[in-house]
Amino acid sequence: MTDTDLAPSGAAAAFDARARELVAELVGVGSDIVARGLALASGGNLSARIDEERFVVTGAGTWLDRLRPEDFAVMTLDGEVLAGATPSSEWKLHQRSYAVRPDVRAVVHVHPQHAVLLDALGRDIRLITLDHAYYVRSIGRTPFYPNGSDELADSAAEQAREHDCIVMGHHGCSALGDSVAMAFRRALNLEEAATTTYRALLLGDTSTTFPPEDFAALHHA
């Protein structure tokens, strides 16, 4: 990314070295998200916290597997656009999650089929494997609210106080992490847990989960 790529004026300062680094990470993750079927076309959006005041978020209407540096906006946590593209209509979802979770450095919002389907059917997503339990831990949920609405952003942020993965009814999921890689890993494990649960249900199993007594001692090499 060069200064001439950045508009309006002042954009070069907003897209500093850290912002450019995060954009590069999000571009890579966006391609993986679509390749793994976690989003289609312009579904889903991504963000990362630059510092305590700013975050970078994908632009409106962008396809996650076709992202370019100019497809991102830099915003403040107060909701001001500092530079770059028009932000995704879901920017409030990201902004308000950051506001309630100072430890969160990235938010991955995707539309995974099995997680959304199970939630719509009133079925819990069960954490069955070590990776599900370690990375997801617990799952929050919200009812359906229109995309881009204050209700969706506020309800998801409220769930984010206690959970790193949130399913939004009839819509999608958000995964939070202390890095872009961790947020993406949680999104992957959430959908794998949903897929595993779906297969267990097809086999007639309605109760198998990771042993609850082993949660406290969970660790990962």
C-alpha atoms as a PDB file:
ATOM      1  CA  MET A   1       0.000   0.000   0.000  1.00  0.00           C
ATOM      2  CA  THR A   2       1.348   3.434  -0.936  1.00  0.00           C
ATOM      3  CA  ASP A   3       0.291   6.873   0.171  1.00  0.00           C
ATOM      4  CA  THR A   4      -1.295   7.473  -3.227  1.00  0.00           C
ATOM      5  CA  ASP A   5      -3.614   4.527  -2.658  1.00  0.00           C
ATOM      6  CA  LEU A   6      -5.081   6.151   0.419  1.00  0.00           C
ATOM      7  CA  ALA A   7      -7.857   8.715   0.247  1.00  0.00           C
ATOM      8  CA  PRO A   8      -9.107  11.079   1.592  1.00  0.00           C
ATOM      9  CA  SER A   9      -6.349  13.363   2.848  1.00  0.00           C
ATOM     10  CA  GLY A  10      -4.846  12.229   6.131  1.00  0.00           C
ATOM     11  CA  ALA A  11      -5.330   8.616   5.186  1.00  0.00           C
ATOM     12  CA  ALA A  12      -1.610   7.919   5.045  1.00  0.00           C
ATOM     13  CA  ALA A  13      -1.324   8.816   8.718  1.00  0.00           C
ATOM     14  CA  ALA A  14      -4.333   6.648   9.635  1.00  0.00           C
ATOM     15  CA  PHE A  15      -2.984   3.684   7.679  1.00  0.00           C
ATOM     16  CA  ASP A  16       0.248   3.536   9.621  1.00  0.00           C
ATOM     17  CA  ALA A  17       2.610   0.565   9.696  1.00  0.00           C
ATOM     18  CA  ARG A  18       0.541  -1.351  12.255  1.00  0.00           C
ATOM     19  CA  ALA A  19      -2.676  -0.789  10.297  1.00  0.00           C
ATOM     20  CA  ARG A  20      -1.043  -2.016   7.092  1.00  0.00           C
ATOM     21  CA  GLU A  21       0.253  -5.099   8.885  1.00  0.00           C
ATOM     22  CA  LEU A  22      -3.215  -5.939  10.174  1.00  0.00           C
ATOM     23  CA  VAL A  23      -4.790  -5.353   6.767  1.00  0.00           C
ATOM     24  CA  ALA A  24      -2.365  -7.869   5.256  1.00  0.00           C
ATOM     25  CA  GLU A  25      -3.360 -10.444   7.895  1.00  0.00           C
ATOM     26  CA  LEU A  26      -7.065  -9.866   7.288  1.00  0.00           C
ATOM     27  CA  VAL A  27      -6.649 -10.185   3.518  1.00  0.00           C
ATOM     28  CA  GLY A  28      -5.114 -13.625   4.017  1.00  0.00           C
ATOM     29  CA  VAL A  29      -7.793 -14.724   6.449  1.00  0.00           C
ATOM     30  CA  GLY A  30     -10.544 -13.519   4.105  1.00  0.00           C
ATOM     31  CA  SER A  31      -9.362 -15.868   1.374  1.00  0.00           C
ATOM     32  CA  ASP A  32      -9.286 -18.805   3.795  1.00  0.00           C
ATOM     33  CA  ILE A  33     -12.771 -18.009   5.097  1.00  0.00           C
ATOM     34  CA  VAL A  34     -14.333 -18.259   1.646  1.00  0.00           C
ATOM     35  CA  ALA A  35     -12.249 -21.302   0.671  1.00  0.00           C
ATOM     36  CA  ARG A  36     -13.522 -23.113   3.762  1.00  0.00           C
ATOM     37  CA  GLY A  37     -17.161 -22.187   3.074  1.00  0.00           C
ATOM     38  CA  LEU A  38     -17.608 -19.910   6.078  1.00  0.00           C
ATOM     39  CA  ALA A  39     -18.932 -17.075   3.921  1.00  0.00           C
ATOM     40  CA  LEU A  40     -20.246 -16.545   0.399  1.00  0.00           C
ATOM     41  CA  ALA A  41     -19.978 -13.540  -1.913  1.00  0.00           C
ATOM     42  CA  SER A  42     -20.091 -10.349   0.173  1.00  0.00           C
ATOM     43  CA  GLY A  43     -21.190 -12.113   3.360  1.00  0.00           C
ATOM     44  CA  GLY A  44     -19.113 -11.636   6.490  1.00  0.00           C
ATOM     45  CA  ASN A  45     -16.758  -8.895   7.636  1.00  0.00           C
ATOM     46  CA  LEU A  46     -13.462  -8.659   9.491  1.00  0.00           C
ATOM     47  CA  SER A  47     -11.733  -6.216  11.797  1.00  0.00           C
ATOM     48  CA  ALA A  48      -8.651  -5.780  13.945  1.00  0.00           C
ATOM     49  CA  ARG A  49      -7.805  -3.311  16.690  1.00  0.00           C
ATOM     50  CA  ILE A  50      -4.873  -1.063  15.757  1.00  0.00           C
ATOM     51  CA  ASP A  51      -4.482   0.538  19.176  1.00  0.00           C
ATOM     52  CA  GLU A  52      -6.663   1.675  22.065  1.00  0.00           C
ATOM     53  CA  GLU A  53      -8.416   4.269  19.894  1.00  0.00           C
ATOM     54  CA  ARG A  54      -8.661   2.799  16.383  1.00  0.00           C
ATOM     55  CA  PHE A  55      -9.579  -0.329  14.474  1.00  0.00           C
ATOM     56  CA  VAL A  56      -9.523  -1.374  10.833  1.00  0.00           C
ATOM     57  CA  VAL A  57     -12.606  -3.016   9.282  1.00  0.00           C
ATOM     58  CA  THR A  58     -13.558  -4.367   5.868  1.00  0.00           C
ATOM     59  CA  GLY A  59     -15.502  -2.070   3.588  1.00  0.00           C
ATOM     60  CA  ALA A  60     -19.137  -2.258   2.554  1.00  0.00           C
ATOM     61  CA  GLY A  61     -19.959  -4.871  -0.070  1.00  0.00           C
ATOM     62  CA  THR A  62     -16.489  -6.411  -0.166  1.00  0.00           C
ATOM     63  CA  TRP A  63     -15.982 -10.092  -0.974  1.00  0.00           C
ATOM     64  CA  LEU A  64     -13.680 -11.613   1.595  1.00  0.00           C
ATOM     65  CA  ASP A  65     -11.689 -13.596  -0.973  1.00  0.00           C
ATOM     66  CA  ARG A  66     -11.109 -10.523  -3.149  1.00  0.00           C
ATOM     67  CA  LEU A  67      -9.917  -8.052  -0.540  1.00  0.00           C
ATOM     68  CA  ARG A  68      -7.371  -5.392  -1.442  1.00  0.00           C
ATOM     69  CA  PRO A  69      -5.757  -2.855   0.912  1.00  0.00           C
ATOM     70  CA  GLU A  70      -8.089  -0.140  -0.380  1.00  0.00           C
ATOM     71  CA  ASP A  71     -11.117  -2.219   0.722  1.00  0.00           C
ATOM     72  CA  PHE A  72     -10.571  -1.320   4.392  1.00  0.00           C
ATOM     73  CA  ALA A  73     -11.603   1.590   6.598  1.00  0.00           C
ATOM     74  CA  VAL A  74      -9.839   2.904   9.663  1.00  0.00           C
ATOM     75  CA  MET A  75     -12.310   3.958  12.367  1.00  0.00           C
ATOM     76  CA  THR A  76     -12.193   5.210  15.920  1.00  0.00           C
ATOM     77  CA  LEU A  77     -13.927   3.396  18.733  1.00  0.00           C
ATOM     78  CA  ASP A  78     -16.305   6.375  18.796  1.00  0.00           C
ATOM     79  CA  GLY A  79     -17.488   5.444  15.300  1.00  0.00           C
ATOM     80  CA  GLU A  80     -15.653   8.076  13.245  1.00  0.00           C
ATOM     81  CA  VAL A  81     -14.243   7.038   9.873  1.00  0.00           C
ATOM     82  CA  LEU A  82     -10.677   8.322   9.657  1.00  0.00           C
ATOM     83  CA  ALA A  83      -9.688   6.979   6.259  1.00  0.00           C
ATOM     84  CA  GLY A  84     -10.258   4.428   3.558  1.00  0.00           C
ATOM     85  CA  ALA A  85     -13.392   2.758   2.239  1.00  0.00           C
ATOM     86  CA  THR A  86     -16.970   3.113   3.402  1.00  0.00           C
ATOM     87  CA  PRO A  87     -17.050   0.642   6.313  1.00  0.00           C
ATOM     88  CA  SER A  88     -19.174  -2.485   6.387  1.00  0.00           C
ATOM     89  CA  SER A  89     -22.740  -1.953   7.555  1.00  0.00           C
ATOM     90  CA  GLU A  90     -21.778  -4.244  10.445  1.00  0.00           C
ATOM     91  CA  TRP A  91     -19.077  -1.907  11.793  1.00  0.00           C
ATOM     92  CA  LYS A  92     -21.071  -1.369  15.010  1.00  0.00           C
ATOM     93  CA  LEU A  93     -20.883  -5.111  15.712  1.00  0.00           C
ATOM     94  CA  HIS A  94     -17.100  -4.841  15.765  1.00  0.00           C
ATOM     95  CA  GLN A  95     -16.898  -1.468  17.508  1.00  0.00           C
ATOM     96  CA  ARG A  96     -19.135  -2.447  20.412  1.00  0.00           C
ATOM     97  CA  SER A  97     -17.411  -5.779  20.926  1.00  0.00           C
ATOM     98  CA  TYR A  98     -14.117  -3.921  21.283  1.00  0.00           C
ATOM     99  CA  ALA A  99     -15.717  -1.460  23.676  1.00  0.00           C
ATOM    100  CA  VAL A 100     -16.737  -4.175  26.154  1.00  0.00           C
ATOM    101  CA  ARG A 101     -13.636  -6.367  25.679  1.00  0.00           C
ATOM    102  CA  PRO A 102     -10.359  -4.408  25.915  1.00  0.00           C
ATOM    103  CA  ASP A 103      -8.485  -7.713  25.598  1.00  0.00           C
ATOM    104  CA  VAL A 104      -9.926  -8.454  22.151  1.00  0.00           C
ATOM    105  CA  ARG A 105      -7.710  -7.478  19.205  1.00  0.00           C
ATOM    106  CA  ALA A 106      -9.691  -8.973  16.301  1.00  0.00           C
ATOM    107  CA  VAL A 107     -13.269  -9.893  15.377  1.00  0.00           C
ATOM    108  CA  VAL A 108     -14.150 -12.366  12.621  1.00  0.00           C
ATOM    109  CA  HIS A 109     -17.813 -12.291  11.562  1.00  0.00           C
ATOM    110  CA  VAL A 110     -18.814 -15.124   9.226  1.00  0.00           C
ATOM    111  CA  HIS A 111     -21.916 -17.000   8.043  1.00  0.00           C
ATOM    112  CA  PRO A 112     -21.199 -20.695   8.713  1.00  0.00           C
ATOM    113  CA  GLN A 113     -23.993 -23.020   7.609  1.00  0.00           C
ATOM    114  CA  HIS A 114     -23.997 -25.675  10.335  1.00  0.00           C
ATOM    115  CA  ALA A 115     -23.727 -23.281  13.274  1.00  0.00           C
ATOM    116  CA  VAL A 116     -26.546 -21.077  12.000  1.00  0.00           C
ATOM    117  CA  LEU A 117     -28.707 -24.087  11.071  1.00  0.00           C
ATOM    118  CA  LEU A 118     -28.407 -25.798  14.455  1.00  0.00           C
ATOM    119  CA  ASP A 119     -29.185 -22.551  16.245  1.00  0.00           C
ATOM    120  CA  ALA A 120     -32.237 -21.941  14.038  1.00  0.00           C
ATOM    121  CA  LEU A 121     -33.466 -25.469  14.843  1.00  0.00           C
ATOM    122  CA  GLY A 122     -33.094 -24.830  18.561  1.00  0.00           C
ATOM    123  CA  ARG A 123     -30.198 -27.282  18.893  1.00  0.00           C
ATOM    124  CA  ASP A 124     -27.206 -26.523  21.063  1.00  0.00           C
ATOM    125  CA  ILE A 125     -23.791 -26.640  19.433  1.00  0.00           C
ATOM    126  CA  ARG A 126     -21.865 -29.181  21.493  1.00  0.00           C
ATOM    127  CA  LEU A 127     -18.154 -28.937  22.164  1.00  0.00           C
ATOM    128  CA  ILE A 128     -16.945 -32.501  21.718  1.00  0.00           C
ATOM    129  CA  THR A 129     -13.230 -32.476  20.923  1.00  0.00           C
ATOM    130  CA  LEU A 130     -10.266 -31.024  22.797  1.00  0.00           C
ATOM    131  CA  ASP A 131      -9.886 -28.237  20.207  1.00  0.00           C
ATOM    132  CA  HIS A 132     -13.559 -27.298  20.439  1.00  0.00           C
ATOM    133  CA  ALA A 133     -13.370 -27.083  24.199  1.00  0.00           C
ATOM    134  CA  TYR A 134     -10.040 -25.263  24.320  1.00  0.00           C
ATOM    135  CA  TYR A 135     -10.632 -22.647  21.627  1.00  0.00           C
ATOM    136  CA  VAL A 136     -14.392 -22.076  21.842  1.00  0.00           C
ATOM    137  CA  ARG A 137     -14.960 -22.719  25.567  1.00  0.00           C
ATOM    138  CA  SER A 138     -18.509 -21.379  25.537  1.00  0.00           C
ATOM    139  CA  ILE A 139     -20.999 -20.021  23.018  1.00  0.00           C
ATOM    140  CA  GLY A 140     -23.247 -16.994  23.354  1.00  0.00           C
ATOM    141  CA  ARG A 141     -26.263 -16.310  21.173  1.00  0.00           C
ATOM    142  CA  THR A 142     -28.627 -13.533  20.209  1.00  0.00           C
ATOM    143  CA  PRO A 143     -32.066 -13.541  18.624  1.00  0.00           C
ATOM    144  CA  PHE A 144     -32.423 -12.375  15.033  1.00  0.00           C
ATOM    145  CA  TYR A 145     -31.935  -8.654  14.548  1.00  0.00           C
ATOM    146  CA  PRO A 146     -31.499  -6.828  11.227  1.00  0.00           C
ATOM    147  CA  ASN A 147     -27.930  -6.659   9.995  1.00  0.00           C
ATOM    148  CA  GLY A 148     -26.224  -3.394  10.821  1.00  0.00           C
ATOM    149  CA  SER A 149     -28.725  -2.579  13.556  1.00  0.00           C
ATOM    150  CA  ASP A 150     -27.961  -1.222  16.999  1.00  0.00           C
ATOM    151  CA  GLU A 151     -29.909  -4.136  18.471  1.00  0.00           C
ATOM    152  CA  LEU A 152     -27.642  -6.675  16.788  1.00  0.00           C
ATOM    153  CA  ALA A 153     -24.450  -4.849  17.777  1.00  0.00           C
ATOM    154  CA  ASP A 154     -25.541  -4.272  21.370  1.00  0.00           C
ATOM    155  CA  SER A 155     -26.844  -7.804  21.953  1.00  0.00           C
ATOM    156  CA  ALA A 156     -23.714  -9.367  20.477  1.00  0.00           C
ATOM    157  CA  ALA A 157     -21.502  -7.101  22.587  1.00  0.00           C
ATOM    158  CA  GLU A 158     -23.422  -8.095  25.701  1.00  0.00           C
ATOM    159  CA  GLN A 159     -22.778 -11.759  24.901  1.00  0.00           C
ATOM    160  CA  ALA A 160     -19.130 -10.952  24.219  1.00  0.00           C
ATOM    161  CA  ARG A 161     -18.698 -10.000  27.869  1.00  0.00           C
ATOM    162  CA  GLU A 162     -18.761 -13.733  28.699  1.00  0.00           C
ATOM    163  CA  HIS A 163     -18.128 -15.569  25.419  1.00  0.00           C
ATOM    164  CA  ASP A 164     -15.536 -15.503  22.634  1.00  0.00           C
ATOM    165  CA  CYS A 165     -17.959 -17.042  20.116  1.00  0.00           C
ATOM    166  CA  ILE A 166     -21.445 -15.686  19.511  1.00  0.00           C
ATOM    167  CA  VAL A 167     -24.144 -17.080  17.220  1.00  0.00           C
ATOM    168  CA  MET A 168     -26.585 -14.472  15.890  1.00  0.00           C
ATOM    169  CA  GLY A 169     -29.926 -16.031  15.113  1.00  0.00           C
ATOM    170  CA  HIS A 170     -30.663 -16.714  11.414  1.00  0.00           C
ATOM    171  CA  HIS A 171     -27.607 -14.684  10.480  1.00  0.00           C
ATOM    172  CA  GLY A 172     -24.068 -15.686  11.376  1.00  0.00           C
ATOM    173  CA  CYS A 173     -21.392 -15.906  14.034  1.00  0.00           C
ATOM    174  CA  SER A 174     -18.716 -13.703  15.507  1.00  0.00           C
ATOM    175  CA  ALA A 175     -15.448 -14.994  16.922  1.00  0.00           C
ATOM    176  CA  LEU A 176     -13.181 -12.834  19.077  1.00  0.00           C
ATOM    177  CA  GLY A 177      -9.492 -13.203  19.791  1.00  0.00           C
ATOM    178  CA  ASP A 178      -6.331 -11.564  21.043  1.00  0.00           C
ATOM    179  CA  SER A 179      -5.029 -11.753  17.459  1.00  0.00           C
ATOM    180  CA  VAL A 180      -6.429 -12.164  13.961  1.00  0.00           C
ATOM    181  CA  ALA A 181      -5.168 -15.749  13.935  1.00  0.00           C
ATOM    182  CA  MET A 182      -6.911 -16.624  17.204  1.00  0.00           C
ATOM    183  CA  ALA A 183     -10.222 -15.074  16.175  1.00  0.00           C
ATOM    184  CA  PHE A 184     -10.107 -17.059  12.919  1.00  0.00           C
ATOM    185  CA  ARG A 185      -9.136 -20.255  14.739  1.00  0.00           C
ATOM    186  CA  ARG A 186     -12.131 -19.851  17.020  1.00  0.00           C
ATOM    187  CA  ALA A 187     -14.445 -19.323  14.043  1.00  0.00           C
ATOM    188  CA  LEU A 188     -13.102 -22.516  12.466  1.00  0.00           C
ATOM    189  CA  ASN A 189     -13.549 -24.534  15.648  1.00  0.00           C
ATOM    190  CA  LEU A 190     -17.041 -23.182  16.244  1.00  0.00           C
ATOM    191  CA  GLU A 191     -18.177 -24.360  12.821  1.00  0.00           C
ATOM    192  CA  GLU A 192     -16.370 -27.697  13.217  1.00  0.00           C
ATOM    193  CA  ALA A 193     -18.144 -28.169  16.556  1.00  0.00           C
ATOM    194  CA  ALA A 194     -21.448 -27.438  14.840  1.00  0.00           C
ATOM    195  CA  THR A 195     -20.673 -29.871  12.031  1.00  0.00           C
ATOM    196  CA  THR A 196     -19.671 -32.558  14.527  1.00  0.00           C
ATOM    197  CA  THR A 197     -22.860 -31.960  16.503  1.00  0.00           C
ATOM    198  CA  TYR A 198     -24.918 -32.230  13.307  1.00  0.00           C
ATOM    199  CA  ARG A 199     -23.297 -35.573  12.469  1.00  0.00           C
ATOM    200  CA  ALA A 200     -23.829 -36.837  16.008  1.00  0.00           C
ATOM    201  CA  LEU A 201     -27.506 -35.956  15.739  1.00  0.00           C
ATOM    202  CA  LEU A 202     -27.754 -37.880  12.468  1.00  0.00           C
ATOM    203  CA  LEU A 203     -26.369 -40.888  14.354  1.00  0.00           C
ATOM    204  CA  GLY A 204     -28.999 -40.430  17.056  1.00  0.00           C
ATOM    205  CA  ASP A 205     -26.669 -39.016  19.702  1.00  0.00           C
ATOM    206  CA  THR A 206     -28.096 -36.067  21.629  1.00  0.00           C
ATOM    207  CA  SER A 207     -25.816 -35.777  24.638  1.00  0.00           C
ATOM    208  CA  THR A 208     -22.119 -36.405  23.988  1.00  0.00           C
ATOM    209  CA  THR A 209     -19.872 -33.482  24.951  1.00  0.00           C
ATOM    210  CA  PHE A 210     -16.309 -32.888  26.061  1.00  0.00           C
ATOM    211  CA  PRO A 211     -16.063 -34.143  29.678  1.00  0.00           C
ATOM    212  CA  PRO A 212     -17.138 -31.182  31.847  1.00  0.00           C
ATOM    213  CA  GLU A 213     -14.809 -32.209  34.665  1.00  0.00           C
ATOM    214  CA  ASP A 214     -11.809 -31.804  32.349  1.00  0.00           C
ATOM    215  CA  PHE A 215     -12.487 -28.198  31.314  1.00  0.00           C
ATOM    216  CA  ALA A 216     -10.574 -26.728  34.237  1.00  0.00           C
ATOM    217  CA  ALA A 217      -7.356 -28.480  33.285  1.00  0.00           C
ATOM    218  CA  LEU A 218      -7.490 -27.758  29.564  1.00  0.00           C
ATOM    219  CA  HIS A 219      -4.227 -26.837  27.898  1.00  0.00           C
ATOM    220  CA  HIS A 220      -2.853 -27.059  24.394  1.00  0.00           C
ATOM    221  CA  ALA A 221       0.690 -27.872  23.298  1.00  0.00           C
END
